[in-house]
C-alpha cells in the first residue's frame, strides 16, 4: 500500500531545498503517485497544488467530490467548483506570495496552464519533472513487486498470442486479441497501443498496425503492454512464421546477444549510456550498427516512458530502484526487422528482469 503522506513529505523536502514554492499537478501519473487519484483530463480544470510548506489543496469539478473524499491523503483541503464558474477564482487566494517559482505538470493541457497562470503572475514557471523525478525514479519494494507482477502477466499474454500466429490472420486481428487478453489477465488499461508488424512492416520500429494478413515466411513483431494496478508492462518479441532463413537467424541472434549484453551491463554505479553502449557494441561489431536506429531503453513505472533513459550521452548513474527497458533492434528498410525487449532494473540484490518469455527464436 502506497504511503501518500510520506511521498508528499519527501516532495516538500525537495521543493524546499530547490527553492520551489508550489507544485501544481494535473491528471497524470504524478497525481496518481502523490494522491492515489486517477481521473481523465478534459476541458474542466483539475489540479493538486502542493506548497513547499503547509497543506496541499485539491481543486476539482464538483462531480469528483465523492471520489476525492476517499483519498488516503491527510490532511488536504478539497475545493470543488460547479460548471459555469471559474475555478481559477478558487486558486487565486491560495497563492500567498507575489512572486516565486511554480513547478507545473508537463502533462497539463496548455489551456489550463494559460488559465491558472493568471493566479501566478510574477512567478517563474518550471517543469514538475524536476521535482517529481527525484521520488519516482527510484521504485520501492512494493513498486518493484507490482512491476514484476505486471511483467509476469504480460509473459502469459504473449504465450497466448503466440498460439494465434498463423497464415491468414491480420495484424489488426492479433492486436484485438492482445488487447482482450491483457484485460482478461487483469490490465485496467493498455500501456500503449499495441505494435503488431508483419513481413516488410517489421522494418519500421513503430509500425501502425494495419490490415495486412500474415503469410508463410514472415517475421512477426509483437510489442505490447498493459497497466496493472497502476504500473506498466512493456515487452517485444519477434517470431518467424515458418522456418527462418540463415540470414534472419544471424540477425536475430545478434539482437538476442545485444539484449543479453545490455542486461549484463546493468549494475549499481554504471551509467545509463554504458548499458546502451554494451547492447549497441554487439550489433555494431556484427556489421549492423547503422540499422539500430533508436535508444536501447526507456524508464518505466506509472508512465510507459519515464526516466531514466538508456541512451548515449546520459551519464546518470544506475541506482537500486531504477527500472527500464532493454530493447535493441535491427531494421533493414524494405526487408524486415527484429526487436527483443525486456523490462529490467536494479534491486538491492542486483540486476533483475520483470518478464521472462523465451528470447530464443521461435519458428511458429
Protein backbone atom coordinates (compact mmCIF):
# COMPACT_ATOMS: atom_id res chain seq x y z
CA UNK A 1 0.00 0.00 0.00
CA UNK A 2 1.42 3.34 -1.05
CA UNK A 3 2.14 5.83 1.73
CA UNK A 4 0.97 9.02 0.02
CA UNK A 5 1.65 11.21 3.01
CA UNK A 6 5.27 10.06 3.14
CA UNK A 7 5.63 10.74 -0.57
CA UNK A 8 4.23 14.24 -0.13
CA UNK A 9 6.68 14.96 2.68
CA UNK A 10 9.59 13.81 0.52
CA UNK A 11 8.46 16.07 -2.30
CA UNK A 12 8.09 19.06 0.03
CA UNK A 13 11.63 18.48 1.30
CA UNK A 14 12.91 18.50 -2.30
CA UNK A 15 10.93 21.67 -3.02
CA UNK A 16 12.39 23.48 -0.02
CA UNK A 17 15.92 22.52 -0.97
CA UNK A 18 15.36 23.70 -4.56
CA UNK A 19 13.55 26.90 -3.61
CA UNK A 20 10.35 25.82 -5.38
CA UNK A 21 7.30 27.46 -3.81
CA UNK A 22 4.47 25.49 -5.40
CA UNK A 23 4.00 22.22 -7.25
CA UNK A 24 0.87 22.10 -9.44
CA UNK A 25 -0.18 18.73 -10.84
CA UNK A 26 -2.80 17.82 -13.43
CA UNK A 27 -4.42 14.41 -14.04
CA UNK A 28 -1.31 12.34 -14.68
CA UNK A 29 0.90 9.64 -13.21
CA UNK A 30 2.36 12.34 -10.97
CA UNK A 31 -1.07 13.00 -9.46
CA UNK A 32 -1.72 9.28 -9.05
CA UNK A 33 1.68 8.79 -7.41
CA UNK A 34 1.14 11.52 -4.79
CA UNK A 35 -2.57 11.10 -4.06
CA UNK A 36 -3.97 7.86 -5.48
CA UNK A 37 -6.46 9.88 -7.54
CA UNK A 38 -6.98 8.79 -11.14
CA UNK A 39 -9.24 10.89 -13.32
CA UNK A 40 -9.42 11.74 -17.01
CA UNK A 41 -8.00 15.01 -18.26
CA UNK A 42 -10.65 17.08 -20.06
CA UNK A 43 -11.76 20.67 -20.53
CA UNK A 44 -12.54 21.00 -16.80
CA UNK A 45 -9.63 22.22 -14.67
CA UNK A 46 -8.38 19.63 -12.16
CA UNK A 47 -5.29 20.41 -10.09
CA UNK A 48 -3.45 19.33 -6.97
CA UNK A 49 -1.37 22.18 -5.56
CA UNK A 50 1.36 21.40 -3.06
CA UNK A 51 3.13 24.28 -1.31
CA UNK A 52 6.70 23.81 -0.09
CA UNK A 53 5.28 24.22 3.39
CA UNK A 54 1.74 23.68 4.54
CA UNK A 55 -1.33 21.76 3.48
CA UNK A 56 -1.92 20.60 -0.10
CA UNK A 57 -5.07 21.66 -1.93
CA UNK A 58 -7.15 19.79 -4.49
CA UNK A 59 -9.31 21.84 -6.86
CA UNK A 60 -11.76 19.66 -8.76
CA UNK A 61 -15.11 19.80 -10.53
CA UNK A 62 -17.96 19.04 -8.15
CA UNK A 63 -18.52 15.68 -9.88
CA UNK A 64 -15.26 14.38 -8.36
CA UNK A 65 -16.05 15.32 -4.75
CA UNK A 66 -17.07 11.87 -3.57
CA UNK A 67 -14.03 10.27 -5.22
CA UNK A 68 -11.65 12.79 -3.64
CA UNK A 69 -13.17 12.46 -0.18
CA UNK A 70 -11.97 8.85 -0.04
CA UNK A 71 -8.31 9.62 -0.78
CA UNK A 72 -5.74 8.42 1.74
CA UNK A 73 -4.05 11.82 1.94
CA UNK A 74 -4.27 13.59 5.29
CA UNK A 75 -4.74 16.41 5.66
CA UNK A 76 -5.58 18.24 2.45
CA UNK A 77 -8.08 20.91 1.51
CA UNK A 78 -10.67 19.97 -1.07
CA UNK A 79 -12.26 22.75 -3.10
CA UNK A 80 -14.79 21.95 -5.80
CA UNK A 81 -16.37 24.10 -8.45
CA UNK A 82 -19.60 23.93 -10.41
CA UNK A 83 -19.94 24.10 -14.17
CA UNK A 84 -20.34 27.72 -15.20
CA UNK A 85 -17.97 29.06 -12.53
CA UNK A 86 -14.28 29.91 -12.86
CA UNK A 87 -12.05 27.51 -10.88
CA UNK A 88 -9.16 29.98 -11.04
CA UNK A 89 -11.16 32.12 -8.60
CA UNK A 90 -10.60 29.32 -6.04
CA UNK A 91 -6.88 29.26 -6.79
CA UNK A 92 -6.04 32.95 -6.54
CA UNK A 93 -6.41 33.30 -2.72
CA UNK A 94 -4.16 30.25 -2.21
CA UNK A 95 -1.13 31.84 -3.88
CA UNK A 96 0.29 33.64 -0.88
CA UNK A 97 3.38 35.23 -2.44
CA UNK A 98 3.61 37.98 -5.07
CA UNK A 99 6.43 36.13 -6.80
CA UNK A 100 8.44 32.92 -6.63
CA UNK A 101 8.64 29.69 -8.61
CA UNK A 102 5.92 27.22 -9.50
CA UNK A 103 6.61 23.73 -10.90
CA UNK A 104 3.86 22.83 -13.37
CA UNK A 105 2.96 19.32 -14.50
CA UNK A 106 4.15 18.94 -18.10
CA UNK A 107 1.08 16.78 -18.79
CA UNK A 108 -1.25 19.70 -18.06
CA UNK A 109 -3.29 20.92 -21.02
CA UNK A 110 -1.91 24.19 -22.37
CA UNK A 111 -5.32 25.83 -21.99
CA UNK A 112 -5.43 25.00 -18.30
CA UNK A 113 -1.91 26.31 -17.81
CA UNK A 114 -2.80 29.59 -19.52
CA UNK A 115 -5.82 29.94 -17.25
CA UNK A 116 -4.11 29.21 -13.94
CA UNK A 117 -1.00 31.23 -14.84
CA UNK A 118 -3.09 34.33 -14.13
CA UNK A 119 -3.04 33.35 -10.46
CA UNK A 120 0.76 33.10 -10.59
CA UNK A 121 1.54 36.50 -12.13
CA UNK A 122 5.17 37.32 -11.38
CA UNK A 123 6.18 33.68 -10.87
CA UNK A 124 8.85 31.73 -12.69
CA UNK A 125 7.46 28.51 -14.16
CA UNK A 126 9.39 25.24 -14.05
CA UNK A 127 8.59 21.70 -15.13
CA UNK A 128 7.25 19.45 -12.39
CA UNK A 129 9.51 16.64 -13.58
CA UNK A 130 12.49 18.39 -11.97
CA UNK A 131 10.87 17.68 -8.61
CA UNK A 132 8.89 14.51 -9.25
CA UNK A 133 11.63 12.52 -10.98
CA UNK A 134 13.64 12.52 -7.76
CA UNK A 135 10.99 10.45 -5.98
CA UNK A 136 9.55 8.48 -8.88
CA UNK A 137 12.81 7.30 -10.49
CA UNK A 138 13.65 5.06 -7.52
CA UNK A 139 10.96 2.44 -7.01
CA UNK A 140 10.40 1.00 -3.54
CA UNK A 141 9.91 -2.71 -2.83
CA UNK A 142 6.14 -2.53 -3.33
CA UNK A 143 6.57 -0.85 -6.71
CA UNK A 144 9.14 -3.44 -7.81
CA UNK A 145 6.71 -6.19 -6.87
CA UNK A 146 3.96 -4.56 -8.91
CA UNK A 147 6.26 -4.26 -11.93
CA UNK A 148 7.23 -7.91 -11.53
CA UNK A 149 3.58 -8.88 -11.40
CA UNK A 150 2.82 -6.79 -14.48
CA UNK A 151 5.71 -8.37 -16.36
CA UNK A 152 4.66 -11.88 -15.42
CA UNK A 153 1.11 -11.33 -16.63
CA UNK A 154 2.41 -9.93 -19.91
CA UNK A 155 4.53 -13.08 -20.34
CA UNK A 156 1.32 -15.09 -20.06
CA UNK A 157 -0.42 -12.92 -22.64
CA UNK A 158 2.50 -13.31 -25.08
CA UNK A 159 2.23 -17.08 -24.71
CA UNK A 160 -1.45 -16.93 -25.66
CA UNK A 161 -0.83 -14.59 -28.61
CA UNK A 162 1.88 -16.89 -29.96
CA UNK A 163 -0.78 -19.58 -30.41
CA UNK A 164 -2.76 -17.22 -32.67
CA UNK A 165 0.05 -16.57 -35.19
CA UNK A 166 -0.83 -18.34 -38.44
CA UNK A 167 -1.12 -17.60 -42.14
CA UNK A 168 -4.18 -15.50 -42.99
CA UNK A 169 -4.64 -13.72 -39.65
CA UNK A 170 -4.26 -9.95 -39.90
CA UNK A 171 -2.14 -7.62 -37.82
CA UNK A 172 -5.32 -5.93 -36.59
CA UNK A 173 -6.89 -9.22 -35.54
CA UNK A 174 -3.76 -10.02 -33.50
CA UNK A 175 -3.92 -6.55 -31.94
CA UNK A 176 -7.55 -7.04 -30.91
CA UNK A 177 -6.65 -10.40 -29.38
CA UNK A 178 -3.73 -8.82 -27.47
CA UNK A 179 -5.99 -6.13 -26.02
CA UNK A 180 -8.64 -8.63 -24.95
CA UNK A 181 -6.10 -10.93 -23.31
CA UNK A 182 -4.37 -8.11 -21.44
CA UNK A 183 -7.70 -7.11 -19.93
CA UNK A 184 -8.66 -10.72 -19.26
CA UNK A 185 -5.43 -11.12 -17.29
CA UNK A 186 -6.15 -8.06 -15.16
CA UNK A 187 -4.97 -4.96 -17.02
CA UNK A 188 -7.11 -1.92 -16.25
CA UNK A 189 -5.85 -0.28 -19.44
CA UNK A 190 -3.23 -0.60 -22.17
CA UNK A 191 0.23 0.84 -21.58
CA UNK A 192 0.15 1.96 -25.23
CA UNK A 193 -1.48 0.94 -28.50
CA UNK A 194 -0.01 -2.47 -29.42
CA UNK A 195 2.52 -2.55 -32.25
CA UNK A 196 1.85 -5.59 -34.40
CA UNK A 197 4.05 -5.73 -37.51
CA UNK A 198 4.47 -8.47 -40.09
CA UNK A 199 6.69 -9.11 -43.10
CA UNK A 200 8.21 -5.90 -44.53
CA UNK A 201 6.34 -3.85 -41.91
CA UNK A 202 8.74 -5.17 -39.24
CA UNK A 203 11.47 -2.84 -40.55
CA UNK A 204 9.52 0.12 -39.07
CA UNK A 205 10.11 0.18 -35.27
CA UNK A 206 6.77 1.90 -34.55
CA UNK A 207 4.66 0.46 -37.34
CA UNK A 208 0.97 1.40 -37.27
CA UNK A 209 -0.88 -1.90 -37.01
CA UNK A 210 -2.87 -2.48 -40.19
CA UNK A 211 -4.89 -4.94 -42.20
CA UNK A 212 -2.02 -6.92 -43.71
CA UNK A 213 -2.52 -10.67 -43.42
CA UNK A 214 0.37 -12.88 -42.35
CA UNK A 215 1.94 -15.22 -44.89
CA UNK A 216 4.37 -18.09 -44.50
CA UNK A 217 7.93 -16.80 -44.24
CA UNK A 218 7.01 -13.60 -42.39
CA UNK A 219 8.72 -12.28 -39.34
CA UNK A 220 6.15 -11.00 -36.82
CA UNK A 221 6.98 -8.35 -34.22
CA UNK A 222 4.67 -8.00 -31.23
CA UNK A 223 5.25 -5.06 -28.88
CA UNK A 224 2.62 -4.50 -26.18
CA UNK A 225 1.96 -3.94 -22.51
CA UNK A 226 -0.77 -3.32 -20.00
CA UNK A 227 -1.37 -1.21 -16.93
CA UNK A 228 -1.63 -3.44 -13.88
CA UNK A 229 -2.53 -1.79 -10.54
CA UNK A 230 -1.15 1.49 -11.84
CA UNK A 231 2.16 0.12 -13.18
CA UNK A 232 3.07 -0.50 -16.82
CA UNK A 233 4.43 -3.54 -18.58
CA UNK A 234 6.14 -3.49 -21.96
CA UNK A 235 7.60 -6.39 -23.93
CA UNK A 236 8.59 -7.14 -27.52
CA UNK A 237 9.24 -10.47 -29.18
CA UNK A 238 9.90 -11.36 -32.81
CA UNK A 239 8.68 -14.68 -34.23
CA UNK A 240 9.16 -16.43 -37.56
CA UNK A 241 6.08 -17.78 -39.31
CA UNK A 242 7.62 -20.92 -40.72
CA UNK A 243 11.30 -21.76 -40.95
CA UNK A 244 13.63 -18.77 -40.74
CA UNK A 245 16.42 -18.25 -43.25
CA UNK A 246 20.05 -18.32 -42.20
CA UNK A 247 20.24 -14.53 -42.69
CA UNK A 248 17.26 -13.99 -40.40
CA UNK A 249 18.75 -16.30 -37.79
CA UNK A 250 22.02 -14.37 -37.87
CA UNK A 251 20.24 -11.03 -37.40
CA UNK A 252 18.03 -12.46 -34.68
CA UNK A 253 20.97 -13.89 -32.75
CA UNK A 254 22.76 -10.53 -32.86
CA UNK A 255 19.72 -8.81 -31.35
CA UNK A 256 19.32 -11.52 -28.73
CA UNK A 257 23.00 -11.22 -27.79
CA UNK A 258 22.70 -7.42 -27.65
CA UNK A 259 19.71 -7.74 -25.32
CA UNK A 260 21.73 -10.03 -23.04
CA UNK A 261 24.81 -7.76 -23.17
CA UNK A 262 22.67 -4.79 -22.14
CA UNK A 263 21.23 -6.73 -19.22
CA UNK A 264 24.65 -7.99 -18.09
CA UNK A 265 25.88 -4.38 -18.04
CA UNK A 266 23.22 -3.38 -15.50
CA UNK A 267 24.75 -2.89 -12.09
CA UNK A 268 24.96 -0.20 -9.45
CA UNK A 269 27.35 2.61 -10.31
CA UNK A 270 27.24 2.06 -14.09
CA UNK A 271 25.94 4.94 -16.21
CA UNK A 272 22.87 4.65 -18.41
CA UNK A 273 24.92 5.29 -21.52
CA UNK A 274 27.20 2.34 -20.69
CA UNK A 275 24.23 -0.03 -20.84
CA UNK A 276 23.29 1.46 -24.20
CA UNK A 277 26.89 1.09 -25.34
CA UNK A 278 27.05 -2.57 -24.28
CA UNK A 279 23.99 -3.50 -26.34
CA UNK A 280 24.95 -1.30 -29.29
CA UNK A 281 28.50 -2.70 -29.47
CA UNK A 282 27.25 -6.23 -30.18
CA UNK A 283 25.20 -5.05 -33.15
CA UNK A 284 27.94 -2.74 -34.44
CA UNK A 285 30.55 -5.48 -34.30
CA UNK A 286 28.17 -7.73 -36.19
CA UNK A 287 28.13 -5.18 -39.01
CA UNK A 288 24.63 -3.75 -38.48
CA UNK A 289 25.29 -0.70 -36.30
CA UNK A 290 23.62 1.72 -38.73
CA UNK A 291 20.42 -0.32 -38.56
CA UNK A 292 19.98 0.04 -34.78
CA UNK A 293 18.16 3.35 -35.06
CA UNK A 294 16.83 4.08 -31.56
CA UNK A 295 17.99 4.18 -27.95
CA UNK A 296 18.40 0.95 -26.04
CA UNK A 297 15.75 1.74 -23.47
CA UNK A 298 13.41 3.98 -21.52
CA UNK A 299 12.43 4.13 -17.88
CA UNK A 300 9.10 2.61 -16.91
CA UNK A 301 6.78 2.73 -13.92
CA UNK A 302 3.44 4.52 -13.71
CA UNK A 303 4.30 6.01 -17.11
CA UNK A 304 5.29 3.83 -20.04
CA UNK A 305 8.15 6.22 -20.82
CA UNK A 306 9.85 7.97 -17.93
CA UNK A 307 13.37 8.45 -16.59
CA UNK A 308 16.00 7.06 -16.69
CA UNK A 309 16.63 6.79 -20.43
CA UNK A 310 19.17 4.20 -21.59
CA UNK A 311 20.76 6.27 -24.31
CA UNK A 312 24.12 7.58 -25.45
CA UNK A 313 25.00 10.79 -23.63
CA UNK A 314 23.01 10.01 -20.48
CA UNK A 315 25.66 9.84 -17.75
CA UNK A 316 23.16 9.30 -14.94
CA UNK A 317 24.35 6.52 -12.63
CA UNK A 318 22.16 3.49 -12.07
CA UNK A 319 20.89 3.03 -8.52
CA UNK A 320 18.75 0.36 -6.85
CA UNK A 321 15.10 1.05 -7.61
CA UNK A 322 15.60 2.20 -11.19
CA UNK A 323 13.60 0.29 -13.81
CA UNK A 324 13.85 0.50 -17.59
CA UNK A 325 13.55 -1.37 -20.88
CA UNK A 326 16.36 -3.06 -22.78
CA UNK A 327 15.18 -3.26 -26.39
CA UNK A 328 17.85 -3.44 -29.09
CA UNK A 329 16.76 -3.96 -32.67
CA UNK A 330 17.99 -4.24 -36.25
CA UNK A 331 15.79 -2.83 -39.01
CA UNK A 332 16.61 -3.44 -42.67
CA UNK A 333 14.49 -0.98 -44.72
CA UNK A 334 12.02 -2.66 -47.03
CA UNK A 335 13.02 -6.13 -45.84
CA UNK A 336 12.42 -6.97 -42.19
CA UNK A 337 13.31 -6.05 -38.63
CA UNK A 338 13.93 -7.78 -35.30
CA UNK A 339 13.47 -6.39 -31.79
CA UNK A 340 13.65 -8.11 -28.39
CA UNK A 341 12.53 -6.06 -25.41
CA UNK A 342 12.54 -6.81 -21.71
CA UNK A 343 11.87 -4.65 -18.68
CA UNK A 344 14.80 -4.75 -16.31
CA UNK A 345 16.05 -2.87 -13.31
CA UNK A 346 18.16 -2.81 -10.21
CA UNK A 347 17.08 -4.28 -6.91
CA UNK A 348 19.24 -4.16 -3.79
CA UNK A 349 20.41 -7.66 -4.80
CA UNK A 350 21.41 -6.70 -8.35
CA UNK A 351 20.02 -6.69 -11.88
CA UNK A 352 16.55 -8.19 -12.37
CA UNK A 353 14.19 -8.84 -15.28
CA UNK A 354 10.43 -8.38 -14.94
CA UNK A 355 9.47 -10.52 -17.92
CA UNK A 356 10.97 -13.84 -18.90
CA UNK A 357 9.22 -15.09 -22.01
CA UNK A 358 11.82 -17.04 -24.08
CA UNK A 359 14.31 -14.94 -26.02
CA UNK A 360 15.38 -17.66 -28.43
CA UNK A 361 13.92 -17.54 -31.93
CA UNK A 362 10.61 -19.34 -32.11
CA UNK A 363 9.54 -20.65 -35.53
CA UNK A 364 5.79 -20.98 -35.48
